[in-house]
PDB file of N, CA and C in Angstrom:
ATOM      1  N   MET A   1      93.217 160.620  48.007  1.00  0.00           N
ATOM      2  CA  MET A   1      93.518 161.128  46.703  1.00  0.00           C
ATOM      3  C   MET A   1      92.468 160.666  45.702  1.00  0.00           C
ATOM      4  N   ALA A   2      92.343 159.375  45.510  1.00  0.00           N
ATOM      5  CA  ALA A   2      91.319 158.834  44.623  1.00  0.00           C
ATOM      6  C   ALA A   2      90.369 157.984  45.457  1.00  0.00           C
ATOM      7  N   ARG A   3      89.113 158.022  45.103  1.00  0.00           N
ATOM      8  CA  ARG A   3      88.134 157.221  45.830  1.00  0.00           C
ATOM      9  C   ARG A   3      88.110 155.807  45.274  1.00  0.00           C
ATOM     10  N   ALA A   4      87.855 154.853  46.174  1.00  0.00           N
ATOM     11  CA  ALA A   4      87.666 153.483  45.724  1.00  0.00           C
ATOM     12  C   ALA A   4      86.349 153.421  44.968  1.00  0.00           C
ATOM     13  N   PRO A   5      86.282 152.631  43.896  1.00  0.00           N
ATOM     14  CA  PRO A   5      85.040 152.557  43.134  1.00  0.00           C
ATOM     15  C   PRO A   5      83.905 151.947  43.949  1.00  0.00           C
ATOM     16  N   ALA A   6      82.684 152.359  43.644  1.00  0.00           N
ATOM     17  CA  ALA A   6      81.507 151.799  44.302  1.00  0.00           C
ATOM     18  C   ALA A   6      81.022 150.622  43.464  1.00  0.00           C
ATOM     19  N   TYR A   7      80.895 149.464  44.094  1.00  0.00           N
ATOM     20  CA  TYR A   7      80.469 148.256  43.395  1.00  0.00           C
ATOM     21  C   TYR A   7      79.088 147.835  43.872  1.00  0.00           C
ATOM     22  N   ARG A   8      78.393 147.109  43.011  1.00  0.00           N
ATOM     23  CA  ARG A   8      77.125 146.504  43.404  1.00  0.00           C
ATOM     24  C   ARG A   8      77.416 145.324  44.323  1.00  0.00           C
ATOM     25  N   PRO A   9      76.482 145.001  45.195  1.00  0.00           N
ATOM     26  CA  PRO A   9      76.675 143.833  46.059  1.00  0.00           C
ATOM     27  C   PRO A   9      76.746 142.546  45.232  1.00  0.00           C
ATOM     28  N   THR A  10      77.574 141.606  45.677  1.00  0.00           N
ATOM     29  CA  THR A  10      77.665 140.300  45.021  1.00  0.00           C
ATOM     30  C   THR A  10      77.570 139.212  46.078  1.00  0.00           C
ATOM     31  N   LEU A  11      77.496 137.992  45.623  1.00  0.00           N
ATOM     32  CA  LEU A  11      77.412 136.860  46.537  1.00  0.00           C
ATOM     33  C   LEU A  11      78.757 136.545  47.200  1.00  0.00           C
ATOM     34  N   VAL A  12      79.819 137.194  46.756  1.00  0.00           N
ATOM     35  CA  VAL A  12      81.137 136.998  47.369  1.00  0.00           C
ATOM     36  C   VAL A  12      81.318 137.964  48.543  1.00  0.00           C
ATOM     37  N   ASP A  13      80.482 138.978  48.651  1.00  0.00           N
ATOM     38  CA  ASP A  13      80.628 140.011  49.681  1.00  0.00           C
ATOM     39  C   ASP A  13      80.729 139.501  51.120  1.00  0.00           C
ATOM     40  N   PRO A  14      80.111 138.391  51.499  1.00  0.00           N
ATOM     41  CA  PRO A  14      80.271 137.936  52.892  1.00  0.00           C
ATOM     42  C   PRO A  14      81.673 137.405  53.229  1.00  0.00           C
ATOM     43  N   TYR A  15      82.561 137.262  52.257  1.00  0.00           N
ATOM     44  CA  TYR A  15      83.842 136.590  52.494  1.00  0.00           C
ATOM     45  C   TYR A  15      85.087 137.458  52.294  1.00  0.00           C
ATOM     46  N   PRO A  16      84.993 138.780  52.267  1.00  0.00           N
ATOM     47  CA  PRO A  16      86.195 139.560  51.956  1.00  0.00           C
ATOM     48  C   PRO A  16      87.276 139.469  53.029  1.00  0.00           C
ATOM     49  N   GLU A  17      86.888 139.358  54.283  1.00  0.00           N
ATOM     50  CA  GLU A  17      87.904 139.272  55.344  1.00  0.00           C
ATOM     51  C   GLU A  17      88.741 138.009  55.199  1.00  0.00           C
ATOM     52  N   HIS A  18      88.082 136.896  54.906  1.00  0.00           N
ATOM     53  CA  HIS A  18      88.826 135.648  54.710  1.00  0.00           C
ATOM     54  C   HIS A  18      89.746 135.768  53.498  1.00  0.00           C
ATOM     55  N   LEU A  19      89.224 136.338  52.411  1.00  0.00           N
ATOM     56  CA  LEU A  19      90.023 136.493  51.199  1.00  0.00           C
ATOM     57  C   LEU A  19      91.207 137.430  51.427  1.00  0.00           C
ATOM     58  N   ARG A  20      90.985 138.549  52.144  1.00  0.00           N
ATOM     59  CA  ARG A  20      92.079 139.475  52.441  1.00  0.00           C
ATOM     60  C   ARG A  20      93.164 138.814  53.277  1.00  0.00           C
ATOM     61  N   GLN A  21      92.729 138.072  54.284  1.00  0.00           N
ATOM     62  CA  GLN A  21      93.689 137.407  55.162  1.00  0.00           C
ATOM     63  C   GLN A  21      94.537 136.410  54.375  1.00  0.00           C
ATOM     64  N   ARG A  22      93.884 135.600  53.560  1.00  0.00           N
ATOM     65  CA  ARG A  22      94.614 134.603  52.770  1.00  0.00           C
ATOM     66  C   ARG A  22      95.551 135.254  51.761  1.00  0.00           C
ATOM     67  N   ARG A  23      95.088 136.337  51.120  1.00  0.00           N
ATOM     68  CA  ARG A  23      95.935 137.017  50.135  1.00  0.00           C
ATOM     69  C   ARG A  23      97.089 137.745  50.807  1.00  0.00           C
ATOM     70  N   SER A  24      96.898 138.214  52.043  1.00  0.00           N
ATOM     71  CA  SER A  24      98.017 138.867  52.734  1.00  0.00           C
ATOM     72  C   SER A  24      99.043 137.831  53.186  1.00  0.00           C
ATOM     73  N   GLU A  25      98.588 136.643  53.553  1.00  0.00           N
ATOM     74  CA  GLU A  25      99.505 135.567  53.935  1.00  0.00           C
ATOM     75  C   GLU A  25     100.277 135.053  52.730  1.00  0.00           C
ATOM     76  N   ASN A  26      99.562 134.898  51.607  1.00  0.00           N
ATOM     77  CA  ASN A  26     100.182 134.350  50.403  1.00  0.00           C
ATOM     78  C   ASN A  26      99.528 135.005  49.187  1.00  0.00           C
ATOM     79  N   PRO A  27     100.139 136.062  48.641  1.00  0.00           N
ATOM     80  CA  PRO A  27      99.534 136.756  47.501  1.00  0.00           C
ATOM     81  C   PRO A  27      99.352 135.877  46.268  1.00  0.00           C
ATOM     82  N   ALA A  28     100.068 134.764  46.187  1.00  0.00           N
ATOM     83  CA  ALA A  28      99.979 133.887  45.014  1.00  0.00           C
ATOM     84  C   ALA A  28      99.074 132.687  45.250  1.00  0.00           C
ATOM     85  N   VAL A  29      98.241 132.743  46.286  1.00  0.00           N
ATOM     86  CA  VAL A  29      97.348 131.606  46.545  1.00  0.00           C
ATOM     87  C   VAL A  29      96.416 131.431  45.347  1.00  0.00           C
ATOM     88  N   PRO A  30      96.307 130.216  44.832  1.00  0.00           N
ATOM     89  CA  PRO A  30      95.443 129.991  43.666  1.00  0.00           C
ATOM     90  C   PRO A  30      93.971 130.251  43.976  1.00  0.00           C
ATOM     91  N   VAL A  31      93.271 130.756  42.988  1.00  0.00           N
ATOM     92  CA  VAL A  31      91.846 131.041  43.157  1.00  0.00           C
ATOM     93  C   VAL A  31      91.080 129.758  43.472  1.00  0.00           C
ATOM     94  N   THR A  32      91.539 128.637  42.932  1.00  0.00           N
ATOM     95  CA  THR A  32      90.850 127.371  43.215  1.00  0.00           C
ATOM     96  C   THR A  32      90.907 127.039  44.700  1.00  0.00           C
ATOM     97  N   HIS A  33      92.019 127.377  45.356  1.00  0.00           N
ATOM     98  CA  HIS A  33      92.107 127.140  46.809  1.00  0.00           C
ATOM     99  C   HIS A  33      91.177 128.087  47.557  1.00  0.00           C
ATOM    100  N   LEU A  34      91.154 129.355  47.130  1.00  0.00           N
ATOM    101  CA  LEU A  34      90.249 130.313  47.768  1.00  0.00           C
ATOM    102  C   LEU A  34      88.795 129.890  47.595  1.00  0.00           C
ATOM    103  N   LEU A  35      88.475 129.421  46.399  1.00  0.00           N
ATOM    104  CA  LEU A  35      87.117 128.963  46.122  1.00  0.00           C
ATOM    105  C   LEU A  35      86.746 127.805  47.047  1.00  0.00           C
ATOM    106  N   GLN A  36      87.630 126.847  47.183  1.00  0.00           N
ATOM    107  CA  GLN A  36      87.369 125.701  48.055  1.00  0.00           C
ATOM    108  C   GLN A  36      87.182 126.161  49.506  1.00  0.00           C
ATOM    109  N   GLU A  37      88.012 127.100  49.947  1.00  0.00           N
ATOM    110  CA  GLU A  37      87.927 127.583  51.329  1.00  0.00           C
ATOM    111  C   GLU A  37      86.618 128.322  51.600  1.00  0.00           C
ATOM    112  N   ILE A  38      86.204 129.202  50.686  1.00  0.00           N
ATOM    113  CA  ILE A  38      84.965 129.928  50.964  1.00  0.00           C
ATOM    114  C   ILE A  38      83.733 129.046  50.726  1.00  0.00           C
ATOM    115  N   ARG A  39      83.868 128.010  49.921  1.00  0.00           N
ATOM    116  CA  ARG A  39      82.757 127.050  49.803  1.00  0.00           C
ATOM    117  C   ARG A  39      82.542 126.333  51.129  1.00  0.00           C
ATOM    118  N   GLU A  40      83.635 126.043  51.842  1.00  0.00           N
ATOM    119  CA  GLU A  40      83.514 125.440  53.172  1.00  0.00           C
ATOM    120  C   GLU A  40      82.852 126.396  54.156  1.00  0.00           C
ATOM    121  N   LEU A  41      82.937 127.705  53.860  1.00  0.00           N
ATOM    122  CA  LEU A  41      82.299 128.715  54.707  1.00  0.00           C
ATOM    123  C   LEU A  41      80.867 129.008  54.283  1.00  0.00           C
ATOM    124  N   GLY A  42      80.406 128.390  53.179  1.00  0.00           N
ATOM    125  CA  GLY A  42      79.022 128.550  52.765  1.00  0.00           C
ATOM    126  C   GLY A  42      78.796 129.168  51.403  1.00  0.00           C
ATOM    127  N   TYR A  43      79.837 129.525  50.684  1.00  0.00           N
ATOM    128  CA  TYR A  43      79.700 130.098  49.347  1.00  0.00           C
ATOM    129  C   TYR A  43      79.209 129.016  48.395  1.00  0.00           C
ATOM    130  N   THR A  44      78.192 129.343  47.594  1.00  0.00           N
ATOM    131  CA  THR A  44      77.618 128.332  46.700  1.00  0.00           C
ATOM    132  C   THR A  44      77.679 128.721  45.230  1.00  0.00           C
ATOM    133  N   ASN A  45      78.296 129.837  44.913  1.00  0.00           N
ATOM    134  CA  ASN A  45      78.289 130.291  43.531  1.00  0.00           C
ATOM    135  C   ASN A  45      79.526 129.855  42.768  1.00  0.00           C
ATOM    136  N   SER A  46      79.684 130.419  41.576  1.00  0.00           N
ATOM    137  CA  SER A  46      80.699 129.960  40.632  1.00  0.00           C
ATOM    138  C   SER A  46      82.088 130.532  40.925  1.00  0.00           C
ATOM    139  N   ALA A  47      83.073 129.867  40.343  1.00  0.00           N
ATOM    140  CA  ALA A  47      84.453 130.347  40.414  1.00  0.00           C
ATOM    141  C   ALA A  47      84.595 131.628  39.605  1.00  0.00           C
ATOM    142  N   ASN A  48      83.831 131.744  38.517  1.00  0.00           N
ATOM    143  CA  ASN A  48      83.905 132.923  37.661  1.00  0.00           C
ATOM    144  C   ASN A  48      83.578 134.195  38.440  1.00  0.00           C
ATOM    145  N   LEU A  49      82.577 134.142  39.284  1.00  0.00           N
ATOM    146  CA  LEU A  49      82.207 135.295  40.088  1.00  0.00           C
ATOM    147  C   LEU A  49      83.333 135.663  41.053  1.00  0.00           C
ATOM    148  N   LEU A  50      83.966 134.680  41.648  1.00  0.00           N
ATOM    149  CA  LEU A  50      85.091 134.924  42.551  1.00  0.00           C
ATOM    150  C   LEU A  50      86.271 135.527  41.795  1.00  0.00           C
ATOM    151  N   VAL A  51      86.564 135.015  40.615  1.00  0.00           N
ATOM    152  CA  VAL A  51      87.678 135.533  39.804  1.00  0.00           C
ATOM    153  C   VAL A  51      87.426 136.997  39.455  1.00  0.00           C
ATOM    154  N   ARG A  52      86.217 137.325  39.020  1.00  0.00           N
ATOM    155  CA  ARG A  52      85.901 138.720  38.690  1.00  0.00           C
ATOM    156  C   ARG A  52      86.014 139.611  39.922  1.00  0.00           C
ATOM    157  N   TYR A  53      85.553 139.120  41.056  1.00  0.00           N
ATOM    158  CA  TYR A  53      85.624 139.862  42.316  1.00  0.00           C
ATOM    159  C   TYR A  53      87.074 140.201  42.648  1.00  0.00           C
ATOM    160  N   ILE A  54      87.956 139.236  42.506  1.00  0.00           N
ATOM    161  CA  ILE A  54      89.377 139.440  42.808  1.00  0.00           C
ATOM    162  C   ILE A  54      90.027 140.342  41.766  1.00  0.00           C
ATOM    163  N   ASN A  55      89.735 140.109  40.485  1.00  0.00           N
ATOM    164  CA  ASN A  55      90.345 140.902  39.414  1.00  0.00           C
ATOM    165  C   ASN A  55      89.921 142.367  39.442  1.00  0.00           C
ATOM    166  N   GLN A  56      88.760 142.648  39.978  1.00  0.00           N
ATOM    167  CA  GLN A  56      88.300 144.030  40.106  1.00  0.00           C
ATOM    168  C   GLN A  56      88.989 144.751  41.257  1.00  0.00           C
ATOM    169  N   GLY A  57      89.773 144.018  42.044  1.00  0.00           N
ATOM    170  CA  GLY A  57      90.466 144.629  43.170  1.00  0.00           C
ATOM    171  C   GLY A  57      89.602 144.771  44.393  1.00  0.00           C
ATOM    172  N   ARG A  58      88.501 144.043  44.441  1.00  0.00           N
ATOM    173  CA  ARG A  58      87.575 144.200  45.545  1.00  0.00           C
ATOM    174  C   ARG A  58      88.064 143.554  46.827  1.00  0.00           C
ATOM    175  N   VAL A  59      89.007 142.646  46.737  1.00  0.00           N
ATOM    176  CA  VAL A  59      89.568 142.060  47.951  1.00  0.00           C
ATOM    177  C   VAL A  59      90.385 143.119  48.683  1.00  0.00           C
ATOM    178  N   GLU A  60      91.075 143.958  47.925  1.00  0.00           N
ATOM    179  CA  GLU A  60      91.889 145.013  48.510  1.00  0.00           C
ATOM    180  C   GLU A  60      91.159 146.354  48.516  1.00  0.00           C
ATOM    181  N   ALA A  61      89.851 146.375  48.389  1.00  0.00           N
ATOM    182  CA  ALA A  61      89.090 147.616  48.215  1.00  0.00           C
ATOM    183  C   ALA A  61      88.956 148.445  49.485  1.00  0.00           C
ATOM    184  N   ASP A  62      89.641 148.071  50.560  1.00  0.00           N
ATOM    185  CA  ASP A  62      89.565 148.882  51.764  1.00  0.00           C
ATOM    186  C   ASP A  62      90.421 150.141  51.645  1.00  0.00           C
ATOM    187  N   HIS A  63      91.182 150.267  50.574  1.00  0.00           N
ATOM    188  CA  HIS A  63      91.950 151.475  50.326  1.00  0.00           C
ATOM    189  C   HIS A  63      91.629 151.983  48.919  1.00  0.00           C
ATOM    190  N   ALA A  64      91.810 153.265  48.747  1.00  0.00           N
ATOM    191  CA  ALA A  64      91.476 153.876  47.467  1.00  0.00           C
ATOM    192  C   ALA A  64      92.463 153.445  46.388  1.00  0.00           C
ATOM    193  N   ALA A  65      91.942 153.315  45.203  1.00  0.00           N
ATOM    194  CA  ALA A  65      92.787 152.974  44.061  1.00  0.00           C
ATOM    195  C   ALA A  65      93.518 154.227  43.591  1.00  0.00           C
ATOM    196  N   LEU A  66      94.752 154.056  43.196  1.00  0.00           N
ATOM    197  CA  LEU A  66      95.540 155.175  42.681  1.00  0.00           C
ATOM    198  C   LEU A  66      95.680 154.980  41.174  1.00  0.00           C
ATOM    199  N   PRO A  67      95.083 155.879  40.381  1.00  0.00           N
ATOM    200  CA  PRO A  67      95.164 155.721  38.933  1.00  0.00           C
ATOM    201  C   PRO A  67      96.622 155.774  38.449  1.00  0.00           C
ATOM    202  N   PRO A  68      96.955 155.043  37.400  1.00  0.00           N
ATOM    203  CA  PRO A  68      98.328 155.032  36.896  1.00  0.00           C
ATOM    204  C   PRO A  68      98.858 156.422  36.556  1.00  0.00           C
ATOM    205  N   ARG A  69      98.022 157.278  36.011  1.00  0.00           N
ATOM    206  CA  ARG A  69      98.460 158.629  35.653  1.00  0.00           C
ATOM    207  C   ARG A  69      98.874 159.419  36.901  1.00  0.00           C
ATOM    208  N   LYS A  70      98.114 159.250  37.986  1.00  0.00           N
ATOM    209  CA  LYS A  70      98.423 159.947  39.229  1.00  0.00           C
ATOM    210  C   LYS A  70      99.704 159.384  39.844  1.00  0.00           C
ATOM    211  N   ALA A  71      99.866 158.063  39.788  1.00  0.00           N
ATOM    212  CA  ALA A  71     101.083 157.431  40.312  1.00  0.00           C
ATOM    213  C   ALA A  71     102.302 157.909  39.528  1.00  0.00           C
ATOM    214  N   THR A  72     102.172 158.007  38.227  1.00  0.00           N
ATOM    215  CA  THR A  72     103.269 158.494  37.387  1.00  0.00           C
ATOM    216  C   THR A  72     103.624 159.926  37.759  1.00  0.00           C
ATOM    217  N   GLY A  73     102.617 160.750  37.937  1.00  0.00           N
ATOM    218  CA  GLY A  73     102.857 162.144  38.327  1.00  0.00           C
ATOM    219  C   GLY A  73     103.587 162.251  39.656  1.00  0.00           C
ATOM    220  N   LEU A  74     103.197 161.400  40.609  1.00  0.00           N
ATOM    221  CA  LEU A  74     103.862 161.415  41.907  1.00  0.00           C
ATOM    222  C   LEU A  74     105.332 161.039  41.782  1.00  0.00           C
ATOM    223  N   LEU A  75     105.599 160.004  40.994  1.00  0.00           N
ATOM    224  CA  LEU A  75     106.975 159.533  40.865  1.00  0.00           C
ATOM    225  C   LEU A  75     107.854 160.504  40.074  1.00  0.00           C
ATOM    226  N   LEU A  76     107.260 161.244  39.143  1.00  0.00           N
ATOM    227  CA  LEU A  76     108.045 162.118  38.281  1.00  0.00           C
ATOM    228  C   LEU A  76     108.187 163.540  38.808  1.00  0.00           C
ATOM    229  N   THR A  77     107.465 163.879  39.853  1.00  0.00           N
ATOM    230  CA  THR A  77     107.542 165.226  40.410  1.00  0.00           C
ATOM    231  C   THR A  77     108.647 165.294  41.451  1.00  0.00           C
ATOM    232  N   ASP A  78     109.411 166.369  41.411  1.00  0.00           N
ATOM    233  CA  ASP A  78     110.485 166.592  42.374  1.00  0.00           C
ATOM    234  C   ASP A  78     109.892 166.602  43.782  1.00  0.00           C
ATOM    235  N   PRO A  79     110.391 165.752  44.682  1.00  0.00           N
ATOM    236  CA  PRO A  79     109.836 165.702  46.042  1.00  0.00           C
ATOM    237  C   PRO A  79     109.884 167.054  46.760  1.00  0.00           C
ATOM    238  N   ALA A  80     110.863 167.869  46.449  1.00  0.00           N
ATOM    239  CA  ALA A  80     110.960 169.183  47.094  1.00  0.00           C
ATOM    240  C   ALA A  80     109.801 170.090  46.689  1.00  0.00           C
ATOM    241  N   ARG A  81     109.184 169.803  45.561  1.00  0.00           N
ATOM    242  CA  ARG A  81     108.061 170.624  45.082  1.00  0.00           C
ATOM    243  C   ARG A  81     106.698 170.055  45.448  1.00  0.00           C
ATOM    244  N   GLN A  82     106.672 168.956  46.196  1.00  0.00           N
ATOM    245  CA  GLN A  82     105.402 168.328  46.565  1.00  0.00           C
ATOM    246  C   GLN A  82     105.014 168.689  47.993  1.00  0.00           C
ATOM    247  N   PRO A  83     103.715 168.861  48.254  1.00  0.00           N
ATOM    248  CA  PRO A  83     103.264 169.046  49.633  1.00  0.00           C
ATOM    249  C   PRO A  83     103.541 167.769  50.446  1.00  0.00           C
ATOM    250  N   ASP A  84     103.554 167.911  51.747  1.00  0.00           N
ATOM    251  CA  ASP A  84     103.909 166.788  52.617  1.00  0.00           C
ATOM    252  C   ASP A  84     103.041 165.548  52.387  1.00  0.00           C
ATOM    253  N   GLU A  85     101.717 165.729  52.238  1.00  0.00           N
ATOM    254  CA  GLU A  85     100.842 164.557  52.085  1.00  0.00           C
ATOM    255  C   GLU A  85     101.128 163.820  50.778  1.00  0.00           C
ATOM    256  N   ARG A  86     101.474 164.555  49.724  1.00  0.00           N
ATOM    257  CA  ARG A  86     101.809 163.900  48.448  1.00  0.00           C
ATOM    258  C   ARG A  86     103.172 163.218  48.535  1.00  0.00           C
ATOM    259  N   ARG A  87     104.091 163.803  49.289  1.00  0.00           N
ATOM    260  CA  ARG A  87     105.403 163.201  49.470  1.00  0.00           C
ATOM    261  C   ARG A  87     105.271 161.879  50.220  1.00  0.00           C
ATOM    262  N   VAL A  88     104.401 161.852  51.237  1.00  0.00           N
ATOM    263  CA  VAL A  88     104.156 160.616  51.992  1.00  0.00           C
ATOM    264  C   VAL A  88     103.539 159.567  51.077  1.00  0.00           C
ATOM    265  N   LEU A  89     102.565 159.966  50.262  1.00  0.00           N
ATOM    266  CA  LEU A  89     101.940 159.041  49.321  1.00  0.00           C
ATOM    267  C   LEU A  89     102.961 158.512  48.319  1.00  0.00           C
ATOM    268  N   CYS A  90     103.848 159.369  47.852  1.00  0.00           N
ATOM    269  CA  CYS A  90     104.894 158.952  46.918  1.00  0.00           C
ATOM    270  C   CYS A  90     105.828 157.942  47.585  1.00  0.00           C
ATOM    271  N   ASP A  91     106.172 158.175  48.845  1.00  0.00           N
ATOM    272  CA  ASP A  91     107.023 157.229  49.575  1.00  0.00           C
ATOM    273  C   ASP A  91     106.325 155.882  49.743  1.00  0.00           C
ATOM    274  N   GLN A  92     105.027 155.910  50.041  1.00  0.00           N
ATOM    275  CA  GLN A  92     104.271 154.662  50.173  1.00  0.00           C
ATOM    276  C   GLN A  92     104.209 153.928  48.844  1.00  0.00           C
ATOM    277  N   LEU A  93     104.011 154.675  47.774  1.00  0.00           N
ATOM    278  CA  LEU A  93     103.965 154.087  46.438  1.00  0.00           C
ATOM    279  C   LEU A  93     105.302 153.442  46.089  1.00  0.00           C
ATOM    280  N   ALA A  94     106.390 154.142  46.378  1.00  0.00           N
ATOM    281  CA  ALA A  94     107.721 153.621  46.069  1.00  0.00           C
ATOM    282  C   ALA A  94     108.041 152.381  46.892  1.00  0.00           C
ATOM    283  N   ALA A  95     107.470 152.277  48.082  1.00  0.00           N
ATOM    284  CA  ALA A  95     107.751 151.141  48.952  1.00  0.00           C
ATOM    285  C   ALA A  95     106.763 149.992  48.756  1.00  0.00           C
ATOM    286  N   ALA A  96     105.827 150.127  47.821  1.00  0.00           N
ATOM    287  CA  ALA A  96     104.771 149.122  47.653  1.00  0.00           C
ATOM    288  C   ALA A  96     105.321 147.745  47.292  1.00  0.00           C
ATOM    289  N   CYS A  97     106.346 147.698  46.481  1.00  0.00           N
ATOM    290  CA  CYS A  97     106.957 146.430  46.100  1.00  0.00           C
ATOM    291  C   CYS A  97     108.366 146.708  45.598  1.00  0.00           C
ATOM    292  N   SER A  98     109.135 145.670  45.418  1.00  0.00           N
ATOM    293  CA  SER A  98     110.528 145.851  45.016  1.00  0.00           C
ATOM    294  C   SER A  98     110.637 146.519  43.645  1.00  0.00           C
ATOM    295  N   GLU A  99     109.712 146.221  42.751  1.00  0.00           N
ATOM    296  CA  GLU A  99     109.749 146.833  41.424  1.00  0.00           C
ATOM    297  C   GLU A  99     109.495 148.343  41.499  1.00  0.00           C
ATOM    298  N   MET A 100     108.542 148.749  42.336  1.00  0.00           N
ATOM    299  CA  MET A 100     108.251 150.174  42.485  1.00  0.00           C
ATOM    300  C   MET A 100     109.415 150.893  43.160  1.00  0.00           C
ATOM    301  N   THR A 101     110.057 150.231  44.116  1.00  0.00           N
ATOM    302  CA  THR A 101     111.226 150.821  44.767  1.00  0.00           C
ATOM    303  C   THR A 101     112.339 151.031  43.747  1.00  0.00           C
ATOM    304  N   ALA A 102     112.579 150.019  42.915  1.00  0.00           N
ATOM    305  CA  ALA A 102     113.610 150.139  41.874  1.00  0.00           C
ATOM    306  C   ALA A 102     113.247 151.229  40.878  1.00  0.00           C
ATOM    307  N   LEU A 103     111.981 151.294  40.475  1.00  0.00           N
ATOM    308  CA  LEU A 103     111.543 152.318  39.529  1.00  0.00           C
ATOM    309  C   LEU A 103     111.743 153.712  40.113  1.00  0.00           C
ATOM    310  N   SER A 104     111.355 153.895  41.357  1.00  0.00           N
ATOM    311  CA  SER A 104     111.508 155.182  42.008  1.00  0.00           C
ATOM    312  C   SER A 104     112.974 155.601  42.082  1.00  0.00           C
ATOM    313  N   THR A 105     113.844 154.649  42.385  1.00  0.00           N
ATOM    314  CA  THR A 105     115.279 154.929  42.440  1.00  0.00           C
ATOM    315  C   THR A 105     115.805 155.331  41.068  1.00  0.00           C
ATOM    316  N   LEU A 106     115.404 154.590  40.037  1.00  0.00           N
ATOM    317  CA  LEU A 106     115.854 154.905  38.681  1.00  0.00           C
ATOM    318  C   LEU A 106     115.353 156.274  38.214  1.00  0.00           C
ATOM    319  N   VAL A 107     114.108 156.595  38.524  1.00  0.00           N
ATOM    320  CA  VAL A 107     113.550 157.893  38.140  1.00  0.00           C
ATOM    321  C   VAL A 107     114.316 159.006  38.843  1.00  0.00           C
ATOM    322  N   SER A 108     114.624 158.825  40.122  1.00  0.00           N
ATOM    323  CA  SER A 108     115.376 159.837  40.869  1.00  0.00           C
ATOM    324  C   SER A 108     116.773 160.030  40.290  1.00  0.00           C
ATOM    325  N   GLU A 109     117.429 158.924  39.964  1.00  0.00           N
ATOM    326  CA  GLU A 109     118.768 159.012  39.384  1.00  0.00           C
ATOM    327  C   GLU A 109     118.736 159.700  38.017  1.00  0.00           C
ATOM    328  N   PHE A 110     117.731 159.385  37.219  1.00  0.00           N
ATOM    329  CA  PHE A 110     117.598 160.008  35.907  1.00  0.00           C
ATOM    330  C   PHE A 110     117.345 161.510  36.046  1.00  0.00           C
ATOM    331  N   ALA A 111     116.489 161.887  36.988  1.00  0.00           N
ATOM    332  CA  ALA A 111     116.208 163.305  37.213  1.00  0.00           C
ATOM    333  C   ALA A 111     117.477 164.030  37.656  1.00  0.00           C
ATOM    334  N   ARG A 112     118.275 163.389  38.498  1.00  0.00           N
ATOM    335  CA  ARG A 112     119.533 163.989  38.940  1.00  0.00           C
ATOM    336  C   ARG A 112     120.469 164.196  37.756  1.00  0.00           C
ATOM    337  N   LEU A 113     120.548 163.200  36.863  1.00  0.00           N
ATOM    338  CA  LEU A 113     121.389 163.336  35.669  1.00  0.00           C
ATOM    339  C   LEU A 113     120.919 164.482  34.774  1.00  0.00           C
ATOM    340  N   LEU A 114     119.616 164.598  34.618  1.00  0.00           N
ATOM    341  CA  LEU A 114     119.073 165.683  33.790  1.00  0.00           C
ATOM    342  C   LEU A 114     119.372 167.041  34.401  1.00  0.00           C
ATOM    343  N   SER A 115     119.231 167.157  35.709  1.00  0.00           N
ATOM    344  CA  SER A 115     119.495 168.453  36.331  1.00  0.00           C
ATOM    345  C   SER A 115     120.975 168.802  36.239  1.00  0.00           C
ATOM    346  N   GLN A 116     121.858 167.815  36.345  1.00  0.00           N
ATOM    347  CA  GLN A 116     123.286 168.074  36.174  1.00  0.00           C
ATOM    348  C   GLN A 116     123.571 168.500  34.740  1.00  0.00           C
ATOM    349  N   SER A 117     122.910 167.864  33.786  1.00  0.00           N
ATOM    350  CA  SER A 117     123.098 168.197  32.380  1.00  0.00           C
ATOM    351  C   SER A 117     122.643 169.624  32.095  1.00  0.00           C
ATOM    352  N   GLN A 118     121.530 170.028  32.680  1.00  0.00           N
ATOM    353  CA  GLN A 118     121.031 171.390  32.487  1.00  0.00           C
ATOM    354  C   GLN A 118     121.984 172.398  33.120  1.00  0.00           C
ATOM    355  N   ASP A 119     122.540 172.065  34.280  1.00  0.00           N
ATOM    356  CA  ASP A 119     123.493 172.957  34.933  1.00  0.00           C
ATOM    357  C   ASP A 119     124.735 173.137  34.070  1.00  0.00           C
ATOM    358  N   ASN A 120     125.205 172.065  33.438  1.00  0.00           N
ATOM    359  CA  ASN A 120     126.392 172.131  32.588  1.00  0.00           C
ATOM    360  C   ASN A 120     126.136 172.886  31.299  1.00  0.00           C
ATOM    361  N   SER A 121     124.926 172.805  30.773  1.00  0.00           N
ATOM    362  CA  SER A 121     124.640 173.451  29.499  1.00  0.00           C
ATOM    363  C   SER A 121     124.455 174.950  29.638  1.00  0.00           C
ATOM    364  N   THR A 122     124.233 175.449  30.848  1.00  0.00           N
ATOM    365  CA  THR A 122     124.014 176.893  31.033  1.00  0.00           C
ATOM    366  C   THR A 122     125.308 177.646  31.269  1.00  0.00           C
ATOM    367  N   THR A 123     126.407 176.937  31.469  1.00  0.00           N
ATOM    368  CA  THR A 123     127.687 177.639  31.647  1.00  0.00           C
ATOM    369  C   THR A 123     128.136 178.209  30.318  1.00  0.00           C
ATOM    370  N   VAL A 124     128.553 179.448  30.341  1.00  0.00           N
ATOM    371  CA  VAL A 124     128.964 180.150  29.124  1.00  0.00           C
ATOM    372  C   VAL A 124     130.485 180.232  29.118  1.00  0.00           C
ATOM    373  N   THR A 125     131.079 179.869  27.984  1.00  0.00           N
ATOM    374  CA  THR A 125     132.517 179.989  27.845  1.00  0.00           C
ATOM    375  C   THR A 125     132.821 181.044  26.782  1.00  0.00           C
ATOM    376  N   ASP A 126     133.819 181.837  27.013  1.00  0.00           N
ATOM    377  CA  ASP A 126     134.205 182.894  26.050  1.00  0.00           C
ATOM    378  C   ASP A 126     135.358 182.475  25.204  1.00  0.00           C
TER     379      ASP A 126
END
């Protein structure tokens, strides 16, 4: 759907596998611990460069970034009106974390309420 951004090479580039593994094991691992670990592997640069590398999403850059506007569109569109590949992407988005799952559920419930309200407002009484 969206392409991952193209970045210039940095001195952190030799260590993405280690960083990905550590972040998948513990997403809240402090940057200071990551810095110490990659320094043991040969990294000699600053913590600032590592922080920017992580904040840019380059540790998770093996998948394309989904812009917020596109994610919103996926969540707000009726699944019956979406092609299969977009429906799968919407399901993956909703399952990304507990907050997204809750948001997706709330949006679906709200849409159901709106459709019921529209159905009730179109009935004509004499």
